[in-house]
Amino acid sequence: GLPFFDIEAWRKPTAEGGCYDPALRIEDFAGRESFGGLDLASRTDLTSLYYVFPDGEGRYVVFGRNWLPGDAVRSSGNASYAAWVAGGWITATEGAATDYGFVEREALSSSGAFTLRELAYDPHQAEYLIIRLEAQGVPIIEQRQGVLLSDAMKEFDALIVEGRIHHNGDPVLAWALANVVGRFDSFDNVKPTKEAEAQKIDPVIAVVMALKRALVHQQQVQPGAQIWF
């Protein structure tokens, strides 16, 4: 299948109407309202936590973090993993399984640094970590995947094409974006899928979950648009 998202527009600099802005720093967004998405893959796979910052005028900025077990970095056929770890785009955790303690600390520190409205998670895989985050006051909300992300998938695609979502050149997210194939049902709902197990899409799922919560939140502020919960 063809990639669902417009990769050219994603890679094009914002100065040319695209999405890439190398000057973006997450530190500059301290105190700003954000929505988070947490895609906890199995502990032996890529785990992704991404934040979407709305500007209130239909534009967004996205930042994220990814984790992989050190064993998976070494044994994977993906030669880019080691480079992304070296570049700080992926955190390698010791051993054969992702240490969710890293994810927990990141979620806690970000909920203190930003005005984190909601941190969306898929209930698959997540129970213990979610209980711990909730106990520590992180505003978590369950967001199931599949066709329930259809509206946010389409909105994300439109934002990319229109240059209304900006990123700092995160290569893991760019790779995942190119791996997403859209599968449509008879009602024109689209669900994000991948062609092969090695083609990870977790960072994109995390972004789409975060965007979904931002859209739901905006709808509560501005009624009229149809967003599924």
Protein backbone atom coordinates (compact mmCIF):
# COMPACT_ATOMS: atom_id res chain seq x y z
CA GLY A 1 0.00 0.00 0.00
CA LEU A 2 0.97 3.61 -0.51
CA PRO A 3 2.00 5.75 2.48
CA PHE A 4 -1.04 7.47 3.95
CA PHE A 5 0.72 10.72 4.84
CA ASP A 6 2.39 13.34 2.63
CA ILE A 7 6.06 12.74 3.47
CA GLU A 8 7.29 15.51 1.13
CA ALA A 9 5.24 18.15 2.93
CA TRP A 10 6.40 16.75 6.30
CA ARG A 11 10.09 17.10 5.37
CA LYS A 12 9.76 20.50 3.70
CA PRO A 13 10.92 23.47 5.83
CA THR A 14 8.27 25.73 7.35
CA ALA A 15 9.85 28.64 5.41
CA GLU A 16 8.63 26.90 2.25
CA GLY A 17 5.16 26.13 3.62
CA GLY A 18 6.10 22.71 5.02
CA CYS A 19 6.30 21.27 8.53
CA TYR A 20 10.01 21.13 9.46
CA ASP A 21 11.39 23.82 11.77
CA PRO A 22 14.90 23.04 13.07
CA ALA A 23 14.69 25.92 15.58
CA LEU A 24 11.94 24.23 17.63
CA ARG A 25 12.96 23.34 21.23
CA ILE A 26 10.62 21.65 23.67
CA GLU A 27 12.11 23.78 26.48
CA ASP A 28 10.56 26.85 24.84
CA PHE A 29 7.09 25.38 25.44
CA ALA A 30 7.26 25.36 29.24
CA GLY A 31 3.85 26.16 30.71
CA ARG A 32 2.06 25.81 27.36
CA GLU A 33 -1.10 23.72 27.04
CA SER A 34 -0.41 20.28 25.59
CA PHE A 35 -2.01 16.90 24.95
CA GLY A 36 -0.02 13.68 25.16
CA GLY A 37 -0.29 10.27 23.53
CA LEU A 38 1.42 7.19 24.91
CA ASP A 39 1.79 4.11 22.72
CA LEU A 40 3.13 1.29 24.87
CA ALA A 41 4.08 -1.48 22.53
CA SER A 42 5.11 -4.81 24.03
CA ARG A 43 8.09 -4.32 26.31
CA THR A 44 10.42 -5.74 23.66
CA ASP A 45 9.31 -3.18 21.08
CA LEU A 46 9.27 0.59 20.47
CA THR A 47 7.44 2.65 23.10
CA SER A 48 6.51 6.22 22.13
CA LEU A 49 5.33 9.28 24.08
CA TYR A 50 4.44 12.35 22.00
CA TYR A 51 3.02 15.77 22.83
CA VAL A 52 0.94 18.04 20.65
CA PHE A 53 0.85 21.77 21.49
CA PRO A 54 -2.12 23.63 19.94
CA ASP A 55 -1.71 27.39 19.39
CA GLY A 56 -5.47 27.98 19.54
CA GLU A 57 -5.56 29.10 15.91
CA GLY A 58 -5.52 25.74 14.14
CA ARG A 59 -1.76 25.14 14.22
CA TYR A 60 0.21 22.61 16.26
CA VAL A 61 3.74 21.74 17.28
CA VAL A 62 4.77 18.16 18.08
CA PHE A 63 7.62 16.71 20.16
CA GLY A 64 8.26 13.21 21.45
CA ARG A 65 10.37 10.56 23.12
CA ASN A 66 10.92 6.92 22.17
CA TRP A 67 12.31 3.96 24.10
CA LEU A 68 13.66 0.58 23.01
CA PRO A 69 15.33 -2.23 24.96
CA GLY A 70 19.10 -2.25 24.41
CA ASP A 71 18.90 -5.85 23.23
CA ALA A 72 16.42 -4.88 20.50
CA VAL A 73 18.68 -2.03 19.34
CA ARG A 74 21.55 -4.50 18.94
CA SER A 75 19.62 -7.42 17.44
CA SER A 76 17.29 -5.48 15.14
CA GLY A 77 17.87 -5.44 11.41
CA ASN A 78 17.25 -1.67 11.54
CA ALA A 79 20.69 -0.05 11.20
CA SER A 80 19.20 3.37 12.03
CA TYR A 81 18.32 2.43 15.62
CA ALA A 82 21.90 2.81 16.90
CA ALA A 83 22.25 6.20 15.18
CA TRP A 84 18.95 7.39 16.64
CA VAL A 85 20.05 6.28 20.11
CA ALA A 86 23.34 8.16 19.62
CA GLY A 87 21.40 11.23 18.49
CA GLY A 88 19.09 11.15 21.52
CA TRP A 89 15.97 10.38 19.50
CA ILE A 90 15.57 6.94 21.12
CA THR A 91 16.49 6.04 24.69
CA ALA A 92 17.86 2.50 24.95
CA THR A 93 16.97 0.85 28.26
CA GLU A 94 19.03 -1.96 29.78
CA GLY A 95 18.32 -5.55 28.80
CA ALA A 96 15.64 -7.34 26.83
CA ALA A 97 12.54 -5.36 27.90
CA THR A 98 11.76 -1.64 28.05
CA ASP A 99 12.05 -0.30 31.58
CA TYR A 100 8.77 1.58 32.02
CA GLY A 101 10.39 3.52 34.86
CA PHE A 102 11.96 5.74 32.18
CA VAL A 103 8.54 6.34 30.62
CA GLU A 104 7.03 7.07 34.01
CA ARG A 105 9.69 9.67 34.89
CA GLU A 106 9.33 11.36 31.50
CA ALA A 107 5.52 11.55 31.82
CA LEU A 108 5.80 12.96 35.35
CA SER A 109 8.40 15.57 34.46
CA SER A 110 6.46 16.72 31.40
CA SER A 111 3.18 16.97 33.27
CA GLY A 112 5.04 19.34 35.60
CA ALA A 113 6.72 21.29 32.79
CA PHE A 114 3.67 21.84 30.57
CA THR A 115 0.01 22.41 31.21
CA LEU A 116 -0.73 18.80 30.30
CA ARG A 117 -4.50 18.62 29.78
CA GLU A 118 -4.69 14.90 28.98
CA LEU A 119 -2.33 12.03 28.43
CA ALA A 120 -4.05 9.47 26.21
CA TYR A 121 -3.14 5.80 26.37
CA ASP A 122 -4.40 2.59 24.85
CA PRO A 123 -5.42 0.14 27.61
CA HIS A 124 -3.50 -2.64 25.84
CA GLN A 125 -0.21 -3.32 27.72
CA ALA A 126 -0.54 -0.34 30.04
CA GLU A 127 -2.18 -1.25 33.36
CA TYR A 128 0.62 -1.06 35.92
CA LEU A 129 2.21 2.09 34.51
CA ILE A 130 -1.16 3.84 34.15
CA ILE A 131 -2.09 3.08 37.77
CA ARG A 132 1.22 4.60 38.89
CA LEU A 133 0.81 7.72 36.74
CA GLU A 134 -2.77 8.24 37.89
CA ALA A 135 -1.70 7.92 41.55
CA GLN A 136 0.83 10.70 40.94
CA GLY A 137 -1.70 13.09 39.45
CA VAL A 138 -0.99 12.77 35.72
CA PRO A 139 -4.27 13.52 33.85
CA ILE A 140 -4.56 10.25 31.94
CA ILE A 141 -7.43 9.24 29.69
CA GLU A 142 -8.13 5.99 27.87
CA GLN A 143 -8.14 6.30 24.08
CA ARG A 144 -8.70 3.13 22.11
CA GLN A 145 -7.11 2.77 18.69
CA GLY A 146 -8.27 1.45 15.31
CA VAL A 147 -11.11 3.29 13.53
CA LEU A 148 -11.71 5.46 16.61
CA LEU A 149 -8.59 7.36 15.47
CA SER A 150 -9.96 7.85 11.94
CA ASP A 151 -10.97 11.51 12.32
CA ALA A 152 -7.65 12.41 13.96
CA MET A 153 -5.72 10.51 11.24
CA LYS A 154 -7.47 12.53 8.54
CA GLU A 155 -6.95 15.78 10.45
CA PHE A 156 -3.25 15.00 10.93
CA ASP A 157 -2.91 14.41 7.18
CA ALA A 158 -4.67 17.72 6.42
CA LEU A 159 -2.43 19.58 8.91
CA ILE A 160 0.67 18.15 7.20
CA VAL A 161 -0.50 19.07 3.70
CA GLU A 162 -1.37 22.61 4.85
CA GLY A 163 1.87 23.03 6.82
CA ARG A 164 -0.07 23.58 10.06
CA ILE A 165 1.78 21.03 12.21
CA HIS A 166 5.46 21.68 12.89
CA HIS A 167 8.23 19.39 14.11
CA ASN A 168 11.95 19.59 14.90
CA GLY A 169 13.14 16.97 12.41
CA ASP A 170 12.62 13.93 14.67
CA PRO A 171 13.88 11.11 12.38
CA VAL A 172 12.05 8.35 14.27
CA LEU A 173 8.71 10.07 13.72
CA ALA A 174 9.54 10.73 10.04
CA TRP A 175 10.39 7.04 9.53
CA ALA A 176 7.21 5.91 11.28
CA LEU A 177 5.13 8.36 9.23
CA ALA A 178 6.46 6.84 6.00
CA ASN A 179 5.52 3.37 7.32
CA VAL A 180 1.82 4.16 7.86
CA VAL A 181 -0.61 2.67 5.37
CA GLY A 182 -4.27 3.60 5.71
CA ARG A 183 -6.84 0.81 5.74
CA PHE A 184 -10.35 2.07 4.96
CA ASP A 185 -13.64 0.39 5.85
CA SER A 186 -16.93 0.68 3.96
CA PHE A 187 -17.82 3.84 5.92
CA ASP A 188 -14.57 5.59 4.83
CA ASN A 189 -13.10 5.28 8.31
CA VAL A 190 -9.35 4.85 8.13
CA LYS A 191 -7.18 2.97 10.57
CA PRO A 192 -3.39 3.21 10.69
CA THR A 193 -1.64 -0.02 9.75
CA LYS A 194 1.83 -1.17 8.65
CA GLU A 195 2.89 -3.54 5.89
CA ALA A 196 5.50 -5.44 7.92
CA GLU A 197 6.37 -5.98 11.58
CA ALA A 198 9.73 -4.20 11.20
CA GLN A 199 8.02 -1.03 9.93
CA LYS A 200 7.10 0.57 13.24
CA ILE A 201 4.31 3.15 13.46
CA ASP A 202 4.15 3.63 17.25
CA PRO A 203 5.35 7.27 17.18
CA VAL A 204 2.56 8.15 14.74
CA ILE A 205 -0.06 6.37 16.84
CA ALA A 206 1.10 8.40 19.85
CA VAL A 207 0.83 11.68 17.90
CA VAL A 208 -2.60 10.79 16.50
CA MET A 209 -3.87 9.87 20.00
CA ALA A 210 -2.63 13.22 21.35
CA LEU A 211 -4.16 15.09 18.41
CA LYS A 212 -7.46 13.25 18.96
CA ARG A 213 -7.62 14.55 22.55
CA ALA A 214 -6.78 18.08 21.39
CA LEU A 215 -9.62 17.89 18.83
CA VAL A 216 -12.08 16.55 21.41
CA HIS A 217 -11.06 19.31 23.82
CA GLN A 218 -11.46 22.01 21.16
CA GLN A 219 -14.87 20.66 20.28
CA GLN A 220 -15.93 21.11 23.90
CA VAL A 221 -14.78 24.72 23.59
CA GLN A 222 -16.20 25.27 20.09
CA PRO A 223 -19.24 23.03 19.54
CA GLY A 224 -20.27 22.06 16.04
CA ALA A 225 -17.50 19.83 14.69
CA GLN A 226 -18.14 16.10 14.73
CA ILE A 227 -15.43 14.24 16.63
CA TRP A 228 -15.99 10.73 17.91
CA PHE A 229 -14.95 9.99 21.47
